[in-house]
Structure formats: structure tokens, C-alpha cells
């Protein structure tokens, strides 16, 4: 029986929380992360960074389309 490595498990959890947060408006992300990352401040920090990057890229794309 093979098990995923701790790094793979961590990556899967980051991805799951990130995608769950994206299902909600940006203004609700803090509350969602409070719930999903309550015992894991490192997870929250990683997901917040990914969300910030995602939103920055979305803004850049919208500006490019508006030009």
C-alpha cells in the first residue's frame, strides 16, 4: 500500500483550501480561511499568498483587455 509523502499531502491541502476560498467573494476569504486554517497559520499564510497572486494576475489581465 503506498501513501503520499507529507509534501504531497501538504500540497493537496493547500490546493483544496485555495480552491474552496476561490468559490467565495474576495471579501469573504478571511472568514473562510479562519475556518479552514484555524489550527495551521502556515497553511493560511501560503493560501493568502496564492490568493493575492491570483487576484493580482486577474487585475493585470483585466487591464490588458481594457487597453
C-alpha atoms as a PDB file:
ATOM      1  CA  UNK A   1       0.000   0.000   0.000  1.00  0.00           C
ATOM      2  CA  UNK A   2       1.536   3.336  -0.996  1.00  0.00           C
ATOM      3  CA  UNK A   3       0.907   6.594   0.785  1.00  0.00           C
ATOM      4  CA  UNK A   4       1.534  10.104  -0.431  1.00  0.00           C
ATOM      5  CA  UNK A   5       4.523  11.883   1.020  1.00  0.00           C
ATOM      6  CA  UNK A   6       3.970  14.604   3.627  1.00  0.00           C
ATOM      7  CA  UNK A   7       4.893  17.199   0.979  1.00  0.00           C
ATOM      8  CA  UNK A   8       2.291  15.793  -1.422  1.00  0.00           C
ATOM      9  CA  UNK A   9      -0.320  15.774   1.348  1.00  0.00           C
ATOM     10  CA  UNK A  10       0.544  19.392   2.168  1.00  0.00           C
ATOM     11  CA  UNK A  11       0.310  20.425  -1.483  1.00  0.00           C
ATOM     12  CA  UNK A  12      -3.088  18.742  -1.783  1.00  0.00           C
ATOM     13  CA  UNK A  13      -4.341  20.559   1.327  1.00  0.00           C
ATOM     14  CA  UNK A  14      -3.070  23.941   0.078  1.00  0.00           C
ATOM     15  CA  UNK A  15      -4.765  23.339  -3.273  1.00  0.00           C
ATOM     16  CA  UNK A  16      -8.039  22.257  -1.652  1.00  0.00           C
ATOM     17  CA  UNK A  17      -8.196  25.308   0.659  1.00  0.00           C
ATOM     18  CA  UNK A  18      -7.183  27.674  -2.168  1.00  0.00           C
ATOM     19  CA  UNK A  19      -9.902  26.356  -4.469  1.00  0.00           C
ATOM     20  CA  UNK A  20     -12.504  26.485  -1.696  1.00  0.00           C
ATOM     21  CA  UNK A  21     -11.611  30.109  -0.985  1.00  0.00           C
ATOM     22  CA  UNK A  22     -11.925  30.987  -4.687  1.00  0.00           C
ATOM     23  CA  UNK A  23     -15.535  29.801  -4.592  1.00  0.00           C
ATOM     24  CA  UNK A  24     -16.334  32.826  -2.411  1.00  0.00           C
ATOM     25  CA  UNK A  25     -16.076  36.580  -2.996  1.00  0.00           C
ATOM     26  CA  UNK A  26     -12.724  38.078  -2.075  1.00  0.00           C
ATOM     27  CA  UNK A  27     -14.257  39.904   0.887  1.00  0.00           C
ATOM     28  CA  UNK A  28     -15.147  36.556   2.471  1.00  0.00           C
ATOM     29  CA  UNK A  29     -11.700  34.984   2.157  1.00  0.00           C
ATOM     30  CA  UNK A  30     -10.559  35.954   5.668  1.00  0.00           C
ATOM     31  CA  UNK A  31     -13.581  34.269   7.257  1.00  0.00           C
ATOM     32  CA  UNK A  32     -13.184  31.184   5.075  1.00  0.00           C
ATOM     33  CA  UNK A  33      -9.504  30.921   5.987  1.00  0.00           C
ATOM     34  CA  UNK A  34     -10.355  31.441   9.666  1.00  0.00           C
ATOM     35  CA  UNK A  35     -12.496  28.335   9.411  1.00  0.00           C
ATOM     36  CA  UNK A  36     -10.301  26.183   7.170  1.00  0.00           C
ATOM     37  CA  UNK A  37      -6.905  27.103   8.633  1.00  0.00           C
ATOM     38  CA  UNK A  38      -7.740  27.720  12.278  1.00  0.00           C
ATOM     39  CA  UNK A  39      -5.016  25.416  13.582  1.00  0.00           C
ATOM     40  CA  UNK A  40      -2.468  25.954  10.821  1.00  0.00           C
ATOM     41  CA  UNK A  41      -1.135  29.510  10.449  1.00  0.00           C
ATOM     42  CA  UNK A  42       1.480  28.360   7.915  1.00  0.00           C
ATOM     43  CA  UNK A  43      -1.238  26.927   5.663  1.00  0.00           C
ATOM     44  CA  UNK A  44      -3.178  30.168   5.953  1.00  0.00           C
ATOM     45  CA  UNK A  45      -0.116  32.217   5.029  1.00  0.00           C
ATOM     46  CA  UNK A  46       0.588  30.105   1.941  1.00  0.00           C
ATOM     47  CA  UNK A  47      -3.039  30.231   0.778  1.00  0.00           C
ATOM     48  CA  UNK A  48      -3.268  34.001   1.390  1.00  0.00           C
ATOM     49  CA  UNK A  49      -0.154  34.484  -0.725  1.00  0.00           C
ATOM     50  CA  UNK A  50      -1.615  32.374  -3.527  1.00  0.00           C
ATOM     51  CA  UNK A  51      -4.911  34.260  -3.368  1.00  0.00           C
ATOM     52  CA  UNK A  52      -3.115  37.617  -3.503  1.00  0.00           C
ATOM     53  CA  UNK A  53      -1.093  36.481  -6.511  1.00  0.00           C
ATOM     54  CA  UNK A  54      -4.227  35.138  -8.210  1.00  0.00           C
ATOM     55  CA  UNK A  55      -6.061  38.429  -7.731  1.00  0.00           C
ATOM     56  CA  UNK A  56      -3.052  40.468  -8.900  1.00  0.00           C
ATOM     57  CA  UNK A  57      -2.889  38.379 -12.077  1.00  0.00           C
ATOM     58  CA  UNK A  58      -6.638  38.769 -12.600  1.00  0.00           C
ATOM     59  CA  UNK A  59      -6.296  42.565 -12.347  1.00  0.00           C
ATOM     60  CA  UNK A  60      -3.403  42.571 -14.827  1.00  0.00           C
ATOM     61  CA  UNK A  61      -5.441  40.512 -17.262  1.00  0.00           C
ATOM     62  CA  UNK A  62      -8.444  42.812 -16.924  1.00  0.00           C
ATOM     63  CA  UNK A  63      -6.247  45.878 -17.533  1.00  0.00           C
ATOM     64  CA  UNK A  64      -4.720  44.287 -20.615  1.00  0.00           C
ATOM     65  CA  UNK A  65      -8.171  43.554 -22.029  1.00  0.00           C
ATOM     66  CA  UNK A  66      -9.294  47.123 -21.329  1.00  0.00           C
ATOM     67  CA  UNK A  67      -6.344  48.585 -23.255  1.00  0.00           C
END
